[in-house]
């Protein structure tokens, strides 16, 4: 379930109709972290909401504007989270259209207390890159409804991939951004990503009856419940592997990554180390592991239960 579908290969900049009042425009930023590129969504029929304008790209800016049909305009620009492949184009698009930029908050909004402490201790980086210059014109809280001309989007705070990450519910569908994708599991890299929050957000979304997920990268997820079940089980299996490895004695996240990710290329082991550390922080919160000293990425951890 973690392999990208071969048939998802849309042309960047060309609008694709997904439903009545919904189109997708792919940004030209393919990479191992973004798959084919960032999905920008246009919601509405006259005054539109743009969800995730994407990276700073003049070509993508022009493609979004060119996607407007006669009589259409952009009234809202919504950013799901402040990674550099999702948010930087929001301000240039706002300057061209006059539409306000709406988000949960800036780069550190929604960050958990434990990740705030880890960041204060000096850990940084490890993800797609944070858009620290991002400032929304308007912030929205969990449960808010962003309404426009004939459309309404429910804000669902889904921290985990990033503290300020939101999903957006619309007509039984959900724009899940980078929290749930079909081509890969979401990156959770401390201190920006928090696995405890990620699992809680997965379970929260699982409690709703969705018809389809429209992710930040890749094709629509047409079996939302099954995908969430897989994501939760995948993380629980990784957790179990870490606990088994710690039965042999205390170990660092780096040591555990090398022992668990045996088929991972060496160049990707630093990302695996961050992933293991995310699990160790979560397990420490569950009182199943503990660091030998301060909670830090380089600390050895021991199993408690």
Protein backbone atom coordinates (compact mmCIF):
# COMPACT_ATOMS: atom_id res chain seq x y z
CA UNK A 1 0.00 0.00 0.00
CA UNK A 2 3.01 2.28 0.07
CA UNK A 3 3.88 2.20 -3.62
CA UNK A 4 2.97 5.12 -5.91
CA UNK A 5 0.44 4.33 -8.64
CA UNK A 6 2.09 4.28 -12.05
CA UNK A 7 -0.85 6.00 -13.72
CA UNK A 8 -0.68 9.21 -11.66
CA UNK A 9 1.36 11.48 -13.88
CA UNK A 10 -0.60 14.67 -14.63
CA UNK A 11 0.93 17.50 -16.62
CA UNK A 12 2.03 20.39 -14.39
CA UNK A 13 -0.03 23.53 -14.85
CA UNK A 14 -2.98 21.85 -16.58
CA UNK A 15 -6.24 21.93 -14.56
CA UNK A 16 -7.86 18.55 -13.93
CA UNK A 17 -11.53 18.38 -12.95
CA UNK A 18 -12.08 16.08 -9.96
CA UNK A 19 -15.72 16.88 -9.08
CA UNK A 20 -18.26 19.61 -9.63
CA UNK A 21 -16.62 22.73 -8.31
CA UNK A 22 -13.24 21.09 -7.77
CA UNK A 23 -10.11 21.16 -9.93
CA UNK A 24 -6.46 20.28 -9.29
CA UNK A 25 -3.42 22.03 -10.75
CA UNK A 26 -0.07 20.26 -10.26
CA UNK A 27 2.95 22.39 -9.38
CA UNK A 28 6.21 21.74 -11.29
CA UNK A 29 8.21 20.60 -8.24
CA UNK A 30 8.66 16.81 -8.43
CA UNK A 31 11.11 15.27 -5.95
CA UNK A 32 11.51 12.25 -3.68
CA UNK A 33 9.70 14.27 -0.98
CA UNK A 34 6.89 15.65 -3.18
CA UNK A 35 6.33 12.79 -5.66
CA UNK A 36 5.01 14.36 -8.92
CA UNK A 37 4.72 17.78 -7.25
CA UNK A 38 2.39 19.73 -4.99
CA UNK A 39 -1.34 19.53 -5.64
CA UNK A 40 -3.05 22.93 -5.69
CA UNK A 41 -6.84 22.74 -5.47
CA UNK A 42 -9.43 25.20 -6.78
CA UNK A 43 -12.79 24.97 -5.00
CA UNK A 44 -15.94 26.71 -6.20
CA UNK A 45 -17.61 27.81 -9.43
CA UNK A 46 -17.43 31.61 -9.36
CA UNK A 47 -15.45 33.00 -6.43
CA UNK A 48 -12.88 30.30 -5.73
CA UNK A 49 -10.80 29.10 -2.83
CA UNK A 50 -7.24 28.09 -3.67
CA UNK A 51 -5.90 25.42 -1.33
CA UNK A 52 -2.10 25.22 -1.07
CA UNK A 53 -0.73 27.57 -3.75
CA UNK A 54 2.55 25.68 -3.54
CA UNK A 55 6.22 26.56 -3.88
CA UNK A 56 7.60 29.88 -5.04
CA UNK A 57 7.21 29.34 -8.80
CA UNK A 58 6.31 31.98 -11.34
CA UNK A 59 5.18 29.28 -13.76
CA UNK A 60 2.78 27.83 -11.18
CA UNK A 61 1.48 31.27 -10.25
CA UNK A 62 0.61 31.92 -13.90
CA UNK A 63 -0.91 28.44 -14.23
CA UNK A 64 -3.25 29.05 -11.28
CA UNK A 65 -4.39 32.36 -12.73
CA UNK A 66 -4.76 30.85 -16.20
CA UNK A 67 -7.03 28.16 -14.73
CA UNK A 68 -9.67 30.77 -13.98
CA UNK A 69 -12.58 30.49 -16.35
CA UNK A 70 -14.68 33.45 -17.58
CA UNK A 71 -16.52 35.00 -14.65
CA UNK A 72 -14.29 33.34 -12.05
CA UNK A 73 -12.06 35.01 -9.48
CA UNK A 74 -10.07 33.95 -6.41
CA UNK A 75 -11.62 35.04 -3.11
CA UNK A 76 -9.69 32.92 -0.55
CA UNK A 77 -6.18 31.47 -0.38
CA UNK A 78 -5.90 28.67 2.19
CA UNK A 79 -2.60 27.16 3.32
CA UNK A 80 -2.72 23.77 5.05
CA UNK A 81 0.76 24.03 6.55
CA UNK A 82 3.97 25.99 6.20
CA UNK A 83 6.35 23.68 4.40
CA UNK A 84 8.15 25.29 1.48
CA UNK A 85 6.35 23.13 -1.08
CA UNK A 86 2.93 24.38 0.07
CA UNK A 87 2.92 27.96 1.35
CA UNK A 88 5.44 30.36 -0.27
CA UNK A 89 3.33 31.15 -3.34
CA UNK A 90 0.44 32.33 -1.16
CA UNK A 91 1.71 35.90 -0.83
CA UNK A 92 2.44 36.48 -4.53
CA UNK A 93 -0.97 35.02 -5.37
CA UNK A 94 -2.61 37.33 -2.82
CA UNK A 95 -0.84 40.32 -4.34
CA UNK A 96 -2.15 39.42 -7.79
CA UNK A 97 -5.73 38.70 -6.70
CA UNK A 98 -6.41 40.69 -3.53
CA UNK A 99 -7.59 37.51 -1.77
CA UNK A 100 -6.66 37.02 1.90
CA UNK A 101 -4.26 34.27 2.98
CA UNK A 102 -5.81 32.00 5.60
CA UNK A 103 -4.04 29.40 7.77
CA UNK A 104 -3.84 27.95 11.26
CA UNK A 105 -0.81 30.12 11.95
CA UNK A 106 2.86 30.67 11.34
CA UNK A 107 5.73 28.20 11.37
CA UNK A 108 5.60 27.33 15.07
CA UNK A 109 1.84 27.51 15.63
CA UNK A 110 0.40 24.32 17.09
CA UNK A 111 3.78 22.90 18.09
CA UNK A 112 3.48 20.61 21.11
CA UNK A 113 5.18 21.42 24.40
CA UNK A 114 7.62 18.52 24.13
CA UNK A 115 8.66 19.55 20.61
CA UNK A 116 9.03 23.16 21.76
CA UNK A 117 11.49 21.95 24.40
CA UNK A 118 13.38 19.80 21.88
CA UNK A 119 13.63 22.76 19.48
CA UNK A 120 14.84 25.01 22.30
CA UNK A 121 17.58 22.45 22.99
CA UNK A 122 18.86 22.95 19.45
CA UNK A 123 17.30 20.29 17.21
CA UNK A 124 16.17 21.70 13.86
CA UNK A 125 15.72 20.69 10.24
CA UNK A 126 15.14 17.19 8.98
CA UNK A 127 11.99 17.85 6.97
CA UNK A 128 10.92 19.38 3.68
CA UNK A 129 11.91 22.83 4.88
CA UNK A 130 9.89 25.37 6.86
CA UNK A 131 8.53 28.59 5.37
CA UNK A 132 9.47 30.73 8.36
CA UNK A 133 8.58 33.96 6.57
CA UNK A 134 4.94 32.91 6.19
CA UNK A 135 2.37 35.17 7.84
CA UNK A 136 -1.33 34.67 7.16
CA UNK A 137 -3.77 37.53 6.86
CA UNK A 138 -6.25 35.56 8.92
CA UNK A 139 -5.87 32.61 11.27
CA UNK A 140 -8.48 29.92 11.78
CA UNK A 141 -8.95 27.48 14.65
CA UNK A 142 -10.04 23.88 14.72
CA UNK A 143 -13.74 23.58 13.91
CA UNK A 144 -13.95 26.89 12.05
CA UNK A 145 -15.78 27.05 8.74
CA UNK A 146 -14.24 28.99 5.88
CA UNK A 147 -17.15 30.02 3.70
CA UNK A 148 -17.30 31.45 0.21
CA UNK A 149 -19.56 31.75 -2.79
CA UNK A 150 -21.47 28.46 -2.76
CA UNK A 151 -18.86 26.50 -0.81
CA UNK A 152 -17.84 25.92 2.83
CA UNK A 153 -14.71 24.22 4.16
CA UNK A 154 -14.49 22.79 7.67
CA UNK A 155 -11.13 23.33 9.36
CA UNK A 156 -9.80 20.20 11.09
CA UNK A 157 -6.56 20.74 13.00
CA UNK A 158 -4.41 17.69 12.21
CA UNK A 159 -0.99 18.25 13.82
CA UNK A 160 1.66 15.59 13.41
CA UNK A 161 3.40 16.19 10.11
CA UNK A 162 3.65 19.79 11.29
CA UNK A 163 2.08 21.52 14.27
CA UNK A 164 0.09 23.99 12.18
CA UNK A 165 -1.22 21.36 9.75
CA UNK A 166 -4.93 21.45 8.93
CA UNK A 167 -7.21 19.28 6.85
CA UNK A 168 -10.34 20.65 5.20
CA UNK A 169 -13.67 18.86 5.04
CA UNK A 170 -15.92 19.52 2.05
CA UNK A 171 -19.05 17.65 0.94
CA UNK A 172 -17.95 14.37 2.51
CA UNK A 173 -14.48 14.69 1.02
CA UNK A 174 -11.35 15.83 2.86
CA UNK A 175 -8.30 17.74 1.68
CA UNK A 176 -5.70 15.95 3.80
CA UNK A 177 -2.57 17.76 2.55
CA UNK A 178 0.47 15.83 3.80
CA UNK A 179 -1.22 14.01 6.66
CA UNK A 180 -2.69 11.21 4.53
CA UNK A 181 -1.37 10.38 1.07
CA UNK A 182 -1.65 7.28 -1.05
CA UNK A 183 1.85 7.18 -2.52
CA UNK A 184 3.79 7.30 0.78
CA UNK A 185 3.37 7.55 4.52
CA UNK A 186 3.61 11.05 5.97
CA UNK A 187 6.99 12.30 7.15
CA UNK A 188 7.12 12.94 10.91
CA UNK A 189 10.42 14.59 11.78
CA UNK A 190 10.97 16.28 15.18
CA UNK A 191 10.89 19.01 16.26
CA UNK A 192 8.45 20.08 13.53
CA UNK A 193 6.71 16.72 13.38
CA UNK A 194 5.21 15.03 16.43
CA UNK A 195 4.24 11.35 16.24
CA UNK A 196 1.96 11.49 19.28
CA UNK A 197 -0.04 14.23 17.56
CA UNK A 198 0.13 12.40 14.23
CA UNK A 199 -1.46 9.24 15.62
CA UNK A 200 -4.16 11.24 17.40
CA UNK A 201 -4.94 13.08 14.15
CA UNK A 202 -5.15 9.79 12.24
CA UNK A 203 -7.60 8.39 14.75
CA UNK A 204 -9.63 11.58 14.67
CA UNK A 205 -9.99 11.43 10.89
CA UNK A 206 -10.78 7.72 11.16
CA UNK A 207 -13.79 8.59 13.28
CA UNK A 208 -15.48 10.28 10.33
CA UNK A 209 -17.10 8.72 7.28
CA UNK A 210 -15.24 10.18 4.29
CA UNK A 211 -15.82 9.39 0.62
CA UNK A 212 -12.39 10.39 -0.70
CA UNK A 213 -9.19 12.13 0.43
CA UNK A 214 -7.54 14.72 -1.80
CA UNK A 215 -3.89 14.80 -0.63
CA UNK A 216 -1.13 17.35 -1.02
CA UNK A 217 0.79 14.99 -3.30
CA UNK A 218 -0.34 12.10 -5.46
CA UNK A 219 -3.67 10.73 -6.58
CA UNK A 220 -6.97 10.87 -4.68
CA UNK A 221 -7.26 8.28 -1.91
CA UNK A 222 -10.49 6.46 -2.76
CA UNK A 223 -10.52 4.17 0.30
CA UNK A 224 -9.92 6.65 3.14
CA UNK A 225 -10.71 4.34 6.06
CA UNK A 226 -8.45 1.57 4.75
CA UNK A 227 -5.61 4.01 4.18
CA UNK A 228 -5.89 5.39 7.71
CA UNK A 229 -5.96 1.85 9.11
CA UNK A 230 -2.78 1.10 7.17
CA UNK A 231 -1.03 4.25 8.39
CA UNK A 232 -1.90 3.50 12.00
CA UNK A 233 -0.84 -0.15 11.71
CA UNK A 234 2.37 0.82 9.91
CA UNK A 235 3.37 3.08 12.79
CA UNK A 236 2.44 0.47 15.40
CA UNK A 237 4.59 -2.11 13.61
CA UNK A 238 7.53 0.32 13.59
CA UNK A 239 6.95 0.97 17.29
CA UNK A 240 7.01 -2.77 17.99
CA UNK A 241 10.28 -3.16 16.07
CA UNK A 242 11.91 -0.42 18.13
CA UNK A 243 10.78 -1.99 21.39
CA UNK A 244 12.11 -5.38 20.31
CA UNK A 245 15.46 -3.85 19.44
CA UNK A 246 15.65 -2.17 22.85
CA UNK A 247 15.30 -5.56 24.54
CA UNK A 248 19.02 -5.96 23.73
CA UNK A 249 19.87 -2.85 25.74
CA UNK A 250 19.83 0.94 25.51
CA UNK A 251 20.50 2.41 22.07
CA UNK A 252 20.39 5.72 20.24
CA UNK A 253 17.98 6.58 17.44
CA UNK A 254 20.88 6.32 14.99
CA UNK A 255 21.83 2.84 16.17
CA UNK A 256 18.22 1.69 16.06
CA UNK A 257 17.71 3.08 12.56
CA UNK A 258 20.75 1.20 11.28
CA UNK A 259 19.47 -2.05 12.84
CA UNK A 260 15.84 -1.69 11.76
CA UNK A 261 16.13 -0.05 8.33
CA UNK A 262 18.44 -2.72 6.94
CA UNK A 263 17.36 -2.22 3.31
CA UNK A 264 17.44 1.58 3.37
CA UNK A 265 20.21 3.31 1.36
CA UNK A 266 22.82 4.99 3.55
CA UNK A 267 21.86 8.42 2.21
CA UNK A 268 18.36 8.00 3.65
CA UNK A 269 19.41 6.79 7.09
CA UNK A 270 19.41 10.33 8.60
CA UNK A 271 15.70 10.57 7.75
CA UNK A 272 15.18 7.11 9.25
CA UNK A 273 16.98 8.27 12.40
CA UNK A 274 14.53 11.20 12.71
CA UNK A 275 11.65 8.77 12.26
CA UNK A 276 12.96 6.49 15.00
CA UNK A 277 13.48 9.49 17.27
CA UNK A 278 9.86 10.53 16.67
CA UNK A 279 8.80 7.08 17.85
CA UNK A 280 11.10 7.23 20.88
CA UNK A 281 9.62 10.57 21.94
CA UNK A 282 6.14 9.10 21.59
CA UNK A 283 7.11 5.94 23.49
CA UNK A 284 8.66 8.07 26.23
CA UNK A 285 5.35 9.91 26.54
CA UNK A 286 3.69 6.51 26.92
CA UNK A 287 6.28 5.66 29.63
CA UNK A 288 7.46 2.65 27.62
CA UNK A 289 10.95 4.05 26.99
CA UNK A 290 13.12 6.68 28.66
CA UNK A 291 16.22 8.60 27.58
CA UNK A 292 19.43 8.06 29.49
CA UNK A 293 19.73 11.74 30.33
CA UNK A 294 18.01 14.59 28.53
CA UNK A 295 15.45 13.96 25.80
CA UNK A 296 17.61 14.50 22.70
CA UNK A 297 18.14 12.88 19.32
CA UNK A 298 21.63 11.66 20.26
CA UNK A 299 20.61 10.23 23.65
CA UNK A 300 20.54 6.48 24.30
CA UNK A 301 17.06 5.21 25.18
CA UNK A 302 16.15 2.26 27.36
CA UNK A 303 12.99 0.19 27.36
CA UNK A 304 10.75 0.45 30.40
CA UNK A 305 7.90 -1.88 29.46
